[in-house]
Amino acid sequence: LGTTHTIGTPTGEWYIIEFPFPFREIPQVFANLQTDVNGAYVAVRIRGVSRFGFQLGLQQAENIATALTDETVGWVAIQSPTTQSRWGTLRLELGTWAGVTDTATTRNWATVSLANTPHILVQAVTYLGTEPIVARWNGTSAGFTEIIVQEELSADSEQVHVAEEVSYMFLA
């Protein structure tokens, strides 16, 4: 769990985040912008997740040519349990989906039994396509959800994006 204060990060610059201790396996990493200093679209991008850390970058909307100014990004890295963990009545499932594109696809989250419809976090964890994206999910029912990586549209209306890996966390 950590917070990174970025100072005038230009698009394309990557910060190396080192974990305070190595994980046994590659963890799931989730990050979110915690400030709105730039007042415009800023995407948080992650790549190179390993047992020891990851790289964090920011991307602004394609139609903005000025440099980014100070922003704060919060992040959390969670070791994947074998399949599912339980904290009291709360259940947790973590994993990664490969091949997520701009076309919504239905993904199964019911690898284990969750008593309730889960709350879902998703995060693109690769940087294979260079346009700003956000991972999104839509609806949960009968053990399935739709997942997509969506490009922002400030410079053009084209939304085709290459396949990325997306980490997920289900809490129920």
Protein backbone atom coordinates (compact mmCIF):
# COMPACT_ATOMS: atom_id res chain seq x y z
CA LEU A 1 0.00 0.00 0.00
CA GLY A 2 1.52 3.32 -0.93
CA THR A 3 1.17 6.81 -2.29
CA THR A 4 3.36 8.32 -4.95
CA HIS A 5 3.63 12.06 -5.46
CA THR A 6 4.55 12.74 -9.07
CA ILE A 7 6.15 16.02 -10.02
CA GLY A 8 5.41 17.29 -13.50
CA THR A 9 5.36 13.82 -15.05
CA PRO A 10 5.41 14.04 -18.83
CA THR A 11 3.45 11.39 -20.69
CA GLY A 12 5.78 8.49 -21.40
CA GLU A 13 7.90 8.83 -18.24
CA TRP A 14 7.77 5.87 -15.87
CA TYR A 15 8.40 5.82 -12.12
CA ILE A 16 9.85 2.67 -10.56
CA ILE A 17 7.93 1.66 -7.45
CA GLU A 18 9.75 -0.84 -5.23
CA PHE A 19 7.81 -2.88 -2.69
CA PRO A 20 9.12 -2.74 0.90
CA PHE A 21 9.50 -6.54 0.73
CA PRO A 22 9.35 -9.03 -2.17
CA PHE A 23 6.14 -10.98 -2.65
CA ARG A 24 6.22 -14.80 -2.96
CA GLU A 25 4.43 -14.48 -6.32
CA ILE A 26 3.63 -11.59 -8.63
CA PRO A 27 0.91 -9.55 -6.84
CA GLN A 28 -2.14 -7.84 -8.30
CA VAL A 29 -1.58 -4.06 -8.40
CA PHE A 30 -4.27 -1.38 -8.43
CA ALA A 31 -3.62 2.37 -8.68
CA ASN A 32 -5.80 5.46 -8.79
CA LEU A 33 -5.31 9.18 -9.19
CA GLN A 34 -5.98 10.87 -5.84
CA THR A 35 -5.73 14.50 -6.92
CA ASP A 36 -7.12 16.60 -9.78
CA VAL A 37 -4.40 19.19 -10.17
CA ASN A 38 -4.38 19.13 -13.97
CA GLY A 39 -8.16 19.54 -14.25
CA ALA A 40 -8.29 17.26 -17.29
CA TYR A 41 -8.29 13.58 -18.13
CA VAL A 42 -5.26 11.77 -16.71
CA ALA A 43 -4.92 7.98 -16.95
CA VAL A 44 -2.82 5.99 -14.49
CA ARG A 45 -0.87 3.27 -16.30
CA ILE A 46 1.00 0.31 -14.84
CA ARG A 47 3.51 -2.03 -16.45
CA GLY A 48 6.30 -4.41 -15.49
CA VAL A 49 4.68 -5.86 -12.36
CA SER A 50 7.05 -8.25 -10.60
CA ARG A 51 7.58 -9.69 -7.12
CA PHE A 52 9.77 -6.66 -6.35
CA GLY A 53 7.77 -3.71 -7.72
CA PHE A 54 6.25 -2.15 -10.81
CA GLN A 55 6.40 0.90 -13.07
CA LEU A 56 3.83 3.67 -12.79
CA GLY A 57 3.10 6.27 -15.46
CA LEU A 58 0.55 8.97 -16.17
CA GLN A 59 -1.02 9.77 -19.52
CA GLN A 60 -3.03 12.85 -20.27
CA ALA A 61 -5.70 13.25 -22.91
CA GLU A 62 -4.26 13.11 -26.41
CA ASN A 63 -5.46 16.61 -27.32
CA ILE A 64 -3.50 18.28 -24.47
CA ALA A 65 0.02 19.34 -25.36
CA THR A 66 1.09 20.93 -22.06
CA ALA A 67 3.16 19.05 -19.50
CA LEU A 68 1.45 17.45 -16.53
CA THR A 69 1.91 19.06 -13.14
CA ASP A 70 2.07 17.51 -9.66
CA GLU A 71 -0.41 14.69 -9.04
CA THR A 72 -0.70 12.08 -6.30
CA VAL A 73 -1.36 8.42 -7.11
CA GLY A 74 -2.41 5.86 -4.51
CA TRP A 75 -1.65 2.20 -5.12
CA VAL A 76 -2.05 -1.17 -3.49
CA ALA A 77 -0.32 -4.49 -4.26
CA ILE A 78 -2.03 -7.63 -3.01
CA GLN A 79 -0.63 -11.15 -2.97
CA SER A 80 -3.02 -13.49 -4.70
CA PRO A 81 -4.41 -16.18 -2.42
CA THR A 82 -4.57 -19.69 -3.79
CA THR A 83 -8.08 -19.07 -5.03
CA GLN A 84 -10.00 -17.18 -2.38
CA SER A 85 -9.47 -15.61 1.02
CA ARG A 86 -11.93 -14.85 3.76
CA TRP A 87 -11.80 -11.99 6.26
CA GLY A 88 -14.70 -12.67 8.58
CA THR A 89 -17.69 -12.64 6.24
CA LEU A 90 -15.83 -10.80 3.47
CA ARG A 91 -14.53 -12.96 0.63
CA LEU A 92 -11.77 -11.93 -1.76
CA GLU A 93 -10.81 -13.29 -5.17
CA LEU A 94 -7.85 -11.96 -7.19
CA GLY A 95 -6.51 -12.73 -10.63
CA THR A 96 -5.47 -11.49 -14.06
CA TRP A 97 -7.29 -11.69 -17.37
CA ALA A 98 -5.20 -11.70 -20.55
CA GLY A 99 -6.42 -10.54 -23.94
CA VAL A 100 -8.73 -7.71 -22.83
CA THR A 101 -9.43 -5.34 -25.75
CA ASP A 102 -11.79 -2.55 -26.77
CA THR A 103 -14.45 -5.18 -27.49
CA ALA A 104 -16.46 -6.09 -24.40
CA THR A 105 -16.04 -9.75 -23.53
CA THR A 106 -17.76 -11.75 -20.84
CA ARG A 107 -15.39 -13.13 -18.19
CA ASN A 108 -16.14 -15.73 -15.54
CA TRP A 109 -15.54 -14.67 -11.93
CA ALA A 110 -17.20 -17.68 -10.37
CA THR A 111 -14.11 -19.85 -10.01
CA VAL A 112 -15.10 -20.09 -6.36
CA SER A 113 -18.42 -19.57 -4.69
CA LEU A 114 -19.08 -15.98 -3.61
CA ALA A 115 -22.16 -15.63 -1.43
CA ASN A 116 -23.12 -12.21 -2.83
CA THR A 117 -22.64 -10.30 -6.05
CA PRO A 118 -19.11 -8.90 -5.65
CA HIS A 119 -17.71 -5.41 -5.73
CA ILE A 120 -15.13 -5.30 -8.50
CA LEU A 121 -11.82 -3.48 -9.03
CA VAL A 122 -10.06 -3.74 -12.39
CA GLN A 123 -6.72 -2.29 -13.53
CA ALA A 124 -4.83 -2.59 -16.82
CA VAL A 125 -1.34 -3.80 -15.84
CA THR A 126 0.41 -3.76 -19.21
CA TYR A 127 1.33 -0.95 -21.61
CA LEU A 128 1.02 -2.67 -24.98
CA GLY A 129 -1.06 0.04 -26.66
CA THR A 130 0.21 3.59 -26.32
CA GLU A 131 -3.08 5.52 -26.23
CA PRO A 132 -4.55 6.48 -22.83
CA ILE A 133 -6.97 3.83 -21.57
CA VAL A 134 -8.97 2.81 -18.57
CA ALA A 135 -10.12 -0.72 -17.73
CA ARG A 136 -13.88 -0.89 -17.21
CA TRP A 137 -16.37 -3.55 -16.22
CA ASN A 138 -20.11 -3.68 -16.74
CA GLY A 139 -22.62 -5.68 -14.77
CA THR A 140 -22.30 -8.83 -12.73
CA SER A 141 -24.71 -11.70 -12.88
CA ALA A 142 -24.58 -15.45 -12.46
CA GLY A 143 -20.80 -15.45 -12.07
CA PHE A 144 -19.96 -13.32 -15.10
CA THR A 145 -19.00 -9.72 -15.87
CA GLU A 146 -18.13 -7.83 -19.06
CA ILE A 147 -14.65 -6.29 -19.24
CA ILE A 148 -13.16 -3.78 -21.69
CA VAL A 149 -10.21 -1.41 -22.06
CA GLN A 150 -11.52 1.91 -23.29
CA GLU A 151 -9.51 4.66 -24.98
CA GLU A 152 -10.23 8.31 -24.35
CA LEU A 153 -11.58 10.25 -27.35
CA SER A 154 -10.15 13.79 -27.12
CA ALA A 155 -8.07 13.66 -30.32
CA ASP A 156 -10.04 11.21 -32.44
CA SER A 157 -13.04 8.90 -32.32
CA GLU A 158 -11.02 5.74 -33.03
CA GLN A 159 -11.21 3.35 -30.08
CA VAL A 160 -9.47 0.21 -31.33
CA HIS A 161 -6.97 -0.97 -28.73
CA VAL A 162 -4.59 -3.93 -28.60
CA ALA A 163 -5.02 -6.69 -26.02
CA GLU A 164 -3.86 -5.78 -22.51
CA GLU A 165 -3.68 -7.73 -19.24
CA VAL A 166 -6.15 -6.62 -16.59
CA SER A 167 -5.92 -7.45 -12.88
CA TYR A 168 -9.17 -7.95 -11.01
CA MET A 169 -10.28 -8.12 -7.39
CA PHE A 170 -13.71 -9.29 -6.31
CA LEU A 171 -14.96 -8.53 -2.80
CA ALA A 172 -18.22 -10.08 -1.61
